[in-house]
């Protein structure tokens, strides 16, 4: 077996350090006593205790959680129905639709946010909760379909035919045979949709009603006025939650290798 050159290992190590060192620094400094993030390091948990003492962060956090949950719930329902419909379509047209969804994923959110704001202003919707909901829905729906549809296509249709032959109705076949098989894909895509919606600063910034701030918007406003160490604590909590969700997705055993990304 050919041995890898030492410089390849060094490159990999440096790449990982470049990617993860900012995250590690933020997590470490969230336990530092200094409010300016300076050394020497003195351990404290005071920033976590005062994190949600202000009404702004607490209100923004709960707003982001509930808003992301509602968007995820709606996109999961519509994405599941869309995937079931694509499965019944001719393969040629289904692949074309999937290609358009792939394009929707790679469109910059900045462009999408401005375009949606112009459309909503034109139809009189403007900056509103409904507009922010629809904008976030458009962003996360492709993630649902691009994972659920391949899972549906991987199912053996002969099992469904056998169930129908034995007298099972279409509804019973769907709920007892099809849906249980795609639960991992549906949960995985829903977790991805939740994370995307929760962190989607651009869409929320352009479409949120005036005076309404989600958590990404609140963090942006706090950072603008200067460095605040409790932001490090909040960032640490958010990163731990994101890592936990990623591990949960991996535990479900449904990776992107089955998708169409």
Protein backbone atom coordinates (compact mmCIF):
# COMPACT_ATOMS: atom_id res chain seq x y z
CA UNK A 1 0.00 0.00 0.00
CA UNK A 2 1.34 3.41 -0.99
CA UNK A 3 2.08 5.69 1.96
CA UNK A 4 0.69 9.18 1.97
CA UNK A 5 3.16 12.01 1.69
CA UNK A 6 3.72 13.91 4.96
CA UNK A 7 2.66 17.19 3.39
CA UNK A 8 -0.80 15.75 2.69
CA UNK A 9 -1.36 15.00 6.37
CA UNK A 10 -0.01 18.44 7.28
CA UNK A 11 -2.38 20.08 4.80
CA UNK A 12 -5.35 18.20 6.24
CA UNK A 13 -4.40 19.17 9.80
CA UNK A 14 -3.94 22.84 8.88
CA UNK A 15 -7.26 22.86 7.03
CA UNK A 16 -9.10 21.49 10.04
CA UNK A 17 -7.36 23.98 12.31
CA UNK A 18 -8.36 26.82 9.99
CA UNK A 19 -11.99 25.67 9.99
CA UNK A 20 -12.45 24.84 13.66
CA UNK A 21 -10.07 27.17 15.50
CA UNK A 22 -12.52 30.14 15.41
CA UNK A 23 -15.24 27.92 16.87
CA UNK A 24 -12.94 26.62 19.59
CA UNK A 25 -11.76 30.15 20.45
CA UNK A 26 -15.34 31.41 20.76
CA UNK A 27 -16.29 28.50 23.01
CA UNK A 28 -13.23 28.96 25.23
CA UNK A 29 -13.63 32.74 25.52
CA UNK A 30 -17.27 32.31 26.56
CA UNK A 31 -15.88 31.05 29.89
CA UNK A 32 -13.35 33.88 30.28
CA UNK A 33 -13.86 36.52 32.96
CA UNK A 34 -12.57 39.36 30.79
CA UNK A 35 -15.39 41.22 29.07
CA UNK A 36 -13.00 42.16 26.26
CA UNK A 37 -11.82 38.61 25.53
CA UNK A 38 -8.27 39.28 26.70
CA UNK A 39 -5.75 37.13 28.56
CA UNK A 40 -4.99 35.86 31.13
CA UNK A 41 -7.83 33.36 31.04
CA UNK A 42 -9.89 33.11 34.22
CA UNK A 43 -12.75 30.61 34.23
CA UNK A 44 -16.29 31.88 34.85
CA UNK A 45 -19.86 31.02 33.93
CA UNK A 46 -21.23 34.50 34.61
CA UNK A 47 -21.83 35.23 30.92
CA UNK A 48 -24.15 32.23 30.69
CA UNK A 49 -26.04 33.38 33.79
CA UNK A 50 -26.65 36.86 32.39
CA UNK A 51 -27.24 35.65 28.84
CA UNK A 52 -31.01 35.87 28.91
CA UNK A 53 -31.29 38.53 31.61
CA UNK A 54 -32.14 41.01 28.86
CA UNK A 55 -35.61 40.77 27.36
CA UNK A 56 -34.32 41.25 23.81
CA UNK A 57 -32.31 38.05 23.49
CA UNK A 58 -34.87 35.88 25.26
CA UNK A 59 -37.76 37.16 23.16
CA UNK A 60 -35.76 36.86 19.94
CA UNK A 61 -34.70 33.30 20.79
CA UNK A 62 -38.23 32.07 21.41
CA UNK A 63 -39.48 33.86 18.30
CA UNK A 64 -36.82 32.14 16.18
CA UNK A 65 -37.58 28.73 17.68
CA UNK A 66 -41.33 28.91 17.16
CA UNK A 67 -41.04 30.53 13.75
CA UNK A 68 -38.52 27.92 12.53
CA UNK A 69 -40.70 25.13 13.92
CA UNK A 70 -43.79 26.36 12.05
CA UNK A 71 -41.86 26.81 8.80
CA UNK A 72 -40.34 23.34 9.17
CA UNK A 73 -43.74 21.78 9.88
CA UNK A 74 -45.31 23.39 6.81
CA UNK A 75 -42.38 22.59 4.52
CA UNK A 76 -42.28 18.96 5.71
CA UNK A 77 -45.98 18.50 4.93
CA UNK A 78 -45.79 20.18 1.52
CA UNK A 79 -42.47 18.51 0.70
CA UNK A 80 -43.85 15.07 1.50
CA UNK A 81 -46.93 15.60 -0.67
CA UNK A 82 -44.74 17.01 -3.47
CA UNK A 83 -42.41 14.01 -3.31
CA UNK A 84 -45.34 11.60 -3.46
CA UNK A 85 -46.66 13.46 -6.49
CA UNK A 86 -43.27 13.42 -8.22
CA UNK A 87 -43.08 9.68 -7.69
CA UNK A 88 -46.23 9.24 -9.76
CA UNK A 89 -45.08 11.58 -12.51
CA UNK A 90 -43.14 10.41 -15.57
CA UNK A 91 -39.46 10.16 -14.70
CA UNK A 92 -38.52 12.73 -17.32
CA UNK A 93 -40.68 15.48 -15.80
CA UNK A 94 -39.79 14.52 -12.25
CA UNK A 95 -36.08 14.91 -12.99
CA UNK A 96 -36.69 18.31 -14.56
CA UNK A 97 -38.55 19.45 -11.45
CA UNK A 98 -35.71 18.18 -9.24
CA UNK A 99 -33.22 20.10 -11.39
CA UNK A 100 -35.16 23.31 -10.77
CA UNK A 101 -35.10 22.59 -7.03
CA UNK A 102 -31.33 22.18 -7.19
CA UNK A 103 -31.13 25.62 -8.77
CA UNK A 104 -33.27 27.01 -5.96
CA UNK A 105 -30.74 25.70 -3.43
CA UNK A 106 -27.73 27.39 -5.04
CA UNK A 107 -29.37 30.80 -5.62
CA UNK A 108 -27.80 33.29 -3.16
CA UNK A 109 -30.17 34.22 -0.37
CA UNK A 110 -29.26 37.87 -0.83
CA UNK A 111 -30.65 37.80 -4.38
CA UNK A 112 -33.66 35.77 -3.28
CA UNK A 113 -34.40 38.08 -0.37
CA UNK A 114 -34.34 41.23 -2.52
CA UNK A 115 -36.46 39.56 -5.21
CA UNK A 116 -39.06 38.37 -2.70
CA UNK A 117 -39.20 41.81 -1.07
CA UNK A 118 -39.87 43.42 -4.45
CA UNK A 119 -42.61 40.88 -5.23
CA UNK A 120 -44.24 41.24 -1.81
CA UNK A 121 -44.17 45.04 -2.06
CA UNK A 122 -45.78 44.81 -5.49
CA UNK A 123 -48.66 42.63 -4.28
CA UNK A 124 -49.13 44.68 -1.11
CA UNK A 125 -47.75 42.12 1.33
CA UNK A 126 -44.57 44.03 2.11
CA UNK A 127 -42.56 43.26 5.22
CA UNK A 128 -44.80 41.09 7.36
CA UNK A 129 -44.91 37.84 9.29
CA UNK A 130 -46.58 36.18 6.32
CA UNK A 131 -43.92 37.48 3.95
CA UNK A 132 -41.13 36.28 6.23
CA UNK A 133 -42.88 32.91 6.54
CA UNK A 134 -43.27 32.50 2.78
CA UNK A 135 -39.67 33.57 2.13
CA UNK A 136 -38.31 31.08 4.66
CA UNK A 137 -40.65 28.41 3.30
CA UNK A 138 -39.27 28.90 -0.21
CA UNK A 139 -35.72 28.53 1.12
CA UNK A 140 -36.22 25.28 3.05
CA UNK A 141 -38.73 23.40 0.89
CA UNK A 142 -36.07 22.15 -1.60
CA UNK A 143 -34.15 20.48 1.24
CA UNK A 144 -37.22 18.43 2.13
CA UNK A 145 -37.98 17.29 -1.41
CA UNK A 146 -34.36 16.60 -2.36
CA UNK A 147 -34.05 14.10 0.49
CA UNK A 148 -37.54 12.61 0.67
CA UNK A 149 -38.00 12.02 -3.07
CA UNK A 150 -34.89 9.78 -3.47
CA UNK A 151 -36.01 7.81 -0.40
CA UNK A 152 -39.38 7.22 -2.03
CA UNK A 153 -37.78 6.18 -5.31
CA UNK A 154 -35.59 3.63 -3.51
CA UNK A 155 -38.65 1.75 -2.22
CA UNK A 156 -39.65 -1.49 -3.90
CA UNK A 157 -42.99 -0.86 -5.58
CA UNK A 158 -43.70 -4.60 -5.68
CA UNK A 159 -44.37 -4.47 -1.92
CA UNK A 160 -47.04 -1.85 -2.51
CA UNK A 161 -48.52 -3.86 -5.36
CA UNK A 162 -48.64 -6.92 -3.10
CA UNK A 163 -50.44 -4.95 -0.40
CA UNK A 164 -52.97 -3.63 -2.89
CA UNK A 165 -53.50 -7.13 -4.26
CA UNK A 166 -54.25 -8.41 -0.75
CA UNK A 167 -56.97 -5.80 -0.36
CA UNK A 168 -55.21 -2.85 1.29
CA UNK A 169 -56.51 0.56 0.29
CA UNK A 170 -54.25 3.28 -1.09
CA UNK A 171 -54.42 5.17 2.21
CA UNK A 172 -53.56 2.10 4.28
CA UNK A 173 -50.68 1.23 1.95
CA UNK A 174 -49.34 4.76 2.30
CA UNK A 175 -49.50 4.86 6.10
CA UNK A 176 -48.40 1.28 6.84
CA UNK A 177 -45.81 0.63 4.13
CA UNK A 178 -44.55 3.81 2.45
CA UNK A 179 -44.36 6.36 5.27
CA UNK A 180 -42.61 4.12 7.84
CA UNK A 181 -39.83 3.49 5.31
CA UNK A 182 -39.14 7.18 4.68
CA UNK A 183 -39.33 8.42 8.27
CA UNK A 184 -35.49 8.71 8.55
CA UNK A 185 -35.37 10.82 5.37
CA UNK A 186 -38.27 12.99 6.51
CA UNK A 187 -36.76 13.59 9.95
CA UNK A 188 -33.32 14.29 8.49
CA UNK A 189 -34.65 16.80 5.97
CA UNK A 190 -36.82 18.43 8.64
CA UNK A 191 -33.82 18.91 10.93
CA UNK A 192 -31.88 20.45 8.05
CA UNK A 193 -34.82 22.72 7.24
CA UNK A 194 -35.06 23.83 10.87
CA UNK A 195 -31.35 24.68 11.05
CA UNK A 196 -31.46 26.56 7.74
CA UNK A 197 -34.53 28.57 8.77
CA UNK A 198 -33.21 29.28 12.27
CA UNK A 199 -29.94 30.72 10.94
CA UNK A 200 -31.32 32.44 7.83
CA UNK A 201 -30.38 36.02 8.67
CA UNK A 202 -30.64 37.38 5.12
CA UNK A 203 -34.26 36.40 4.45
CA UNK A 204 -35.37 37.48 7.91
CA UNK A 205 -33.52 40.79 7.62
CA UNK A 206 -35.28 41.71 4.37
CA UNK A 207 -38.76 40.34 5.08
CA UNK A 208 -39.32 40.67 8.84
CA UNK A 209 -41.86 43.30 9.96
CA UNK A 210 -40.40 46.56 11.21
CA UNK A 211 -39.53 46.30 14.89
CA UNK A 212 -39.50 42.49 14.89
CA UNK A 213 -36.13 40.85 15.50
CA UNK A 214 -35.34 37.17 15.29
CA UNK A 215 -32.28 35.81 17.07
CA UNK A 216 -29.86 36.27 14.12
CA UNK A 217 -31.09 39.86 13.72
CA UNK A 218 -30.75 40.54 17.45
CA UNK A 219 -27.19 39.19 17.48
CA UNK A 220 -26.35 41.36 14.47
CA UNK A 221 -27.65 44.47 16.22
CA UNK A 222 -25.74 43.67 19.42
CA UNK A 223 -22.45 43.05 17.61
CA UNK A 224 -22.78 46.32 15.68
CA UNK A 225 -22.43 48.41 18.84
CA UNK A 226 -19.36 46.55 20.09
CA UNK A 227 -18.02 43.31 21.51
CA UNK A 228 -20.23 41.60 24.09
CA UNK A 229 -19.00 38.41 25.80
CA UNK A 230 -22.48 37.03 26.32
CA UNK A 231 -22.67 36.69 22.55
CA UNK A 232 -19.88 34.11 22.84
CA UNK A 233 -22.00 32.19 25.33
CA UNK A 234 -25.00 32.31 23.03
CA UNK A 235 -22.87 31.26 20.04
CA UNK A 236 -21.53 28.32 22.06
CA UNK A 237 -25.04 27.15 22.93
CA UNK A 238 -26.15 27.46 19.31
CA UNK A 239 -23.11 25.54 18.08
CA UNK A 240 -23.70 22.76 20.59
CA UNK A 241 -27.32 22.51 19.49
CA UNK A 242 -26.26 22.42 15.82
CA UNK A 243 -23.67 19.73 16.53
CA UNK A 244 -26.28 17.70 18.42
CA UNK A 245 -28.68 17.94 15.49
CA UNK A 246 -25.95 16.88 13.06
CA UNK A 247 -25.12 13.87 15.25
CA UNK A 248 -28.82 13.03 15.41
CA UNK A 249 -29.03 13.18 11.62
CA UNK A 250 -26.05 10.83 11.36
CA UNK A 251 -27.64 8.52 13.92
CA UNK A 252 -30.73 8.26 11.75
CA UNK A 253 -28.53 6.70 9.11
CA UNK A 254 -29.71 8.78 6.19
CA UNK A 255 -26.89 10.73 4.57
CA UNK A 256 -26.75 13.00 1.55
CA UNK A 257 -25.30 10.16 -0.49
CA UNK A 258 -28.91 9.06 -1.02
CA UNK A 259 -29.98 12.52 -2.05
CA UNK A 260 -29.70 14.46 -5.25
CA UNK A 261 -27.29 17.20 -4.09
